[in-house]
Amino acid sequence: MRELGSGLNAAAAEACDGTDADHLRAPSWPKVVAVAGRLAQVIVANDLKELAALHNTPIHGL
């Protein structure tokens, strides 16, 4: 999360007029996308582990 925040801050600093389009043209934007992609993979993996754990846990009273 810190790395994503740093990347977003860098892109914001490089965005001259602060528009979305300007952020997307920032030299550091590809790093933001890469970091966000890795973070998304971690989040999905953690969610899948939690779902699997819930699925394998007996529900009492049913």
N, C-alpha and C. Protein backbone atom coordinates (compact mmCIF):
# COMPACT_ATOMS: atom_id res chain seq x y z
N MET A 1 0.83 -1.18 0.00
CA MET A 1 0.00 0.00 0.00
C MET A 1 0.88 1.25 0.00
N ARG A 2 1.96 1.22 0.76
CA ARG A 2 2.84 2.39 0.80
C ARG A 2 3.45 2.65 -0.57
N GLU A 3 3.85 1.57 -1.24
CA GLU A 3 4.46 1.73 -2.57
C GLU A 3 3.45 2.31 -3.55
N LEU A 4 2.19 1.87 -3.45
CA LEU A 4 1.15 2.42 -4.32
C LEU A 4 0.94 3.90 -4.01
N GLY A 5 0.90 4.24 -2.73
CA GLY A 5 0.74 5.64 -2.35
C GLY A 5 1.88 6.51 -2.87
N SER A 6 3.10 5.99 -2.76
CA SER A 6 4.26 6.74 -3.27
C SER A 6 4.16 6.96 -4.77
N GLY A 7 3.76 5.91 -5.47
CA GLY A 7 3.61 6.03 -6.92
C GLY A 7 2.54 7.02 -7.31
N LEU A 8 1.43 6.97 -6.60
CA LEU A 8 0.35 7.93 -6.89
C LEU A 8 0.78 9.35 -6.60
N ASN A 9 1.52 9.54 -5.50
CA ASN A 9 2.02 10.88 -5.17
C ASN A 9 2.99 11.38 -6.24
N ALA A 10 3.84 10.48 -6.73
CA ALA A 10 4.78 10.87 -7.78
C ALA A 10 4.04 11.26 -9.05
N ALA A 11 3.04 10.48 -9.42
CA ALA A 11 2.25 10.79 -10.62
C ALA A 11 1.53 12.12 -10.44
N ALA A 12 1.02 12.36 -9.25
CA ALA A 12 0.32 13.63 -8.99
C ALA A 12 1.28 14.80 -9.11
N ALA A 13 2.50 14.61 -8.64
CA ALA A 13 3.50 15.69 -8.73
C ALA A 13 3.89 15.95 -10.18
N GLU A 14 3.84 14.92 -11.01
CA GLU A 14 4.22 15.07 -12.42
C GLU A 14 3.07 15.57 -13.28
N ALA A 15 1.86 15.50 -12.77
CA ALA A 15 0.68 15.92 -13.53
C ALA A 15 0.57 17.44 -13.44
N CYS A 16 0.87 18.12 -14.54
CA CYS A 16 0.93 19.58 -14.54
C CYS A 16 -0.40 20.22 -14.19
N ASP A 17 -1.47 19.79 -14.84
CA ASP A 17 -2.77 20.44 -14.60
C ASP A 17 -3.68 19.63 -13.68
N GLY A 18 -3.21 18.45 -13.24
CA GLY A 18 -3.96 17.67 -12.27
C GLY A 18 -5.17 16.93 -12.82
N THR A 19 -5.34 16.90 -14.13
CA THR A 19 -6.47 16.16 -14.69
C THR A 19 -6.15 14.67 -14.72
N ASP A 20 -7.19 13.87 -14.87
CA ASP A 20 -6.98 12.42 -14.98
C ASP A 20 -6.07 12.10 -16.16
N ALA A 21 -6.32 12.73 -17.28
CA ALA A 21 -5.51 12.48 -18.48
C ALA A 21 -4.04 12.82 -18.23
N ASP A 22 -3.80 13.90 -17.50
CA ASP A 22 -2.43 14.30 -17.20
C ASP A 22 -1.75 13.28 -16.29
N HIS A 23 -2.49 12.74 -15.33
CA HIS A 23 -1.93 11.68 -14.47
C HIS A 23 -1.55 10.47 -15.31
N LEU A 24 -2.40 10.10 -16.25
CA LEU A 24 -2.13 8.93 -17.08
C LEU A 24 -0.92 9.11 -17.98
N ARG A 25 -0.57 10.34 -18.29
CA ARG A 25 0.62 10.63 -19.12
C ARG A 25 1.88 10.81 -18.28
N ALA A 26 1.76 10.80 -16.97
CA ALA A 26 2.92 11.01 -16.10
C ALA A 26 3.93 9.88 -16.29
N PRO A 27 5.22 10.22 -16.30
CA PRO A 27 6.25 9.18 -16.49
C PRO A 27 6.18 8.05 -15.46
N SER A 28 5.72 8.34 -14.26
CA SER A 28 5.67 7.30 -13.22
C SER A 28 4.39 6.47 -13.27
N TRP A 29 3.46 6.79 -14.17
CA TRP A 29 2.18 6.07 -14.19
C TRP A 29 2.33 4.57 -14.43
N PRO A 30 3.20 4.12 -15.34
CA PRO A 30 3.35 2.66 -15.53
C PRO A 30 3.72 1.93 -14.23
N LYS A 31 4.53 2.57 -13.37
CA LYS A 31 4.87 1.94 -12.09
C LYS A 31 3.63 1.84 -11.21
N VAL A 32 2.78 2.87 -11.23
CA VAL A 32 1.54 2.84 -10.45
C VAL A 32 0.69 1.64 -10.89
N VAL A 33 0.57 1.45 -12.18
CA VAL A 33 -0.23 0.35 -12.71
C VAL A 33 0.36 -1.00 -12.29
N ALA A 34 1.68 -1.13 -12.36
CA ALA A 34 2.33 -2.39 -11.99
C ALA A 34 2.13 -2.69 -10.50
N VAL A 35 2.32 -1.69 -9.67
CA VAL A 35 2.15 -1.88 -8.22
C VAL A 35 0.70 -2.23 -7.91
N ALA A 36 -0.23 -1.52 -8.53
CA ALA A 36 -1.65 -1.79 -8.29
C ALA A 36 -2.01 -3.21 -8.73
N GLY A 37 -1.43 -3.67 -9.82
CA GLY A 37 -1.69 -5.03 -10.28
C GLY A 37 -1.21 -6.07 -9.29
N ARG A 38 -0.01 -5.87 -8.75
CA ARG A 38 0.51 -6.81 -7.75
C ARG A 38 -0.34 -6.78 -6.48
N LEU A 39 -0.74 -5.61 -6.08
CA LEU A 39 -1.58 -5.48 -4.89
C LEU A 39 -2.93 -6.17 -5.11
N ALA A 40 -3.50 -6.03 -6.28
CA ALA A 40 -4.77 -6.69 -6.58
C ALA A 40 -4.63 -8.20 -6.49
N GLN A 41 -3.50 -8.74 -6.96
CA GLN A 41 -3.28 -10.19 -6.88
C GLN A 41 -3.23 -10.65 -5.42
N VAL A 42 -2.58 -9.88 -4.58
CA VAL A 42 -2.50 -10.23 -3.16
C VAL A 42 -3.89 -10.20 -2.53
N ILE A 43 -4.65 -9.17 -2.85
CA ILE A 43 -6.00 -9.04 -2.28
C ILE A 43 -6.88 -10.21 -2.71
N VAL A 44 -6.84 -10.55 -3.99
CA VAL A 44 -7.66 -11.66 -4.48
C VAL A 44 -7.23 -12.98 -3.85
N ALA A 45 -5.93 -13.20 -3.74
CA ALA A 45 -5.44 -14.44 -3.13
C ALA A 45 -5.90 -14.54 -1.68
N ASN A 46 -5.82 -13.44 -0.95
CA ASN A 46 -6.27 -13.45 0.45
C ASN A 46 -7.77 -13.70 0.54
N ASP A 47 -8.54 -13.09 -0.34
CA ASP A 47 -9.99 -13.31 -0.34
C ASP A 47 -10.33 -14.77 -0.65
N LEU A 48 -9.61 -15.36 -1.61
CA LEU A 48 -9.87 -16.76 -1.95
C LEU A 48 -9.54 -17.68 -0.79
N LYS A 49 -8.46 -17.38 -0.07
CA LYS A 49 -8.11 -18.20 1.10
C LYS A 49 -9.20 -18.10 2.16
N GLU A 50 -9.72 -16.90 2.37
CA GLU A 50 -10.77 -16.71 3.37
C GLU A 50 -12.05 -17.42 2.94
N LEU A 51 -12.40 -17.35 1.65
CA LEU A 51 -13.58 -18.06 1.17
C LEU A 51 -13.43 -19.57 1.32
N ALA A 52 -12.25 -20.07 1.01
CA ALA A 52 -12.00 -21.51 1.16
C ALA A 52 -12.12 -21.92 2.62
N ALA A 53 -11.60 -21.10 3.52
CA ALA A 53 -11.69 -21.40 4.94
C ALA A 53 -13.15 -21.40 5.39
N LEU A 54 -13.92 -20.46 4.91
CA LEU A 54 -15.34 -20.42 5.27
C LEU A 54 -16.08 -21.64 4.73
N HIS A 55 -15.74 -22.04 3.52
CA HIS A 55 -16.39 -23.16 2.88
C HIS A 55 -16.10 -24.47 3.64
N ASN A 56 -14.92 -24.58 4.18
CA ASN A 56 -14.51 -25.80 4.88
C ASN A 56 -14.88 -25.81 6.36
N THR A 57 -15.42 -24.72 6.85
CA THR A 57 -15.82 -24.62 8.26
C THR A 57 -17.26 -25.07 8.41
N PRO A 58 -17.52 -26.04 9.25
CA PRO A 58 -18.90 -26.47 9.45
C PRO A 58 -19.73 -25.34 10.08
N ILE A 59 -20.93 -25.20 9.62
CA ILE A 59 -21.85 -24.19 10.18
C ILE A 59 -22.73 -24.92 11.18
N HIS A 60 -22.60 -24.55 12.44
CA HIS A 60 -23.35 -25.21 13.50
C HIS A 60 -24.80 -24.78 13.48
N GLY A 61 -25.68 -25.69 13.76
CA GLY A 61 -27.10 -25.39 13.83
C GLY A 61 -27.83 -25.58 12.52
N LEU A 62 -27.15 -26.04 11.49
CA LEU A 62 -27.84 -26.28 10.21
C LEU A 62 -27.92 -27.75 9.92
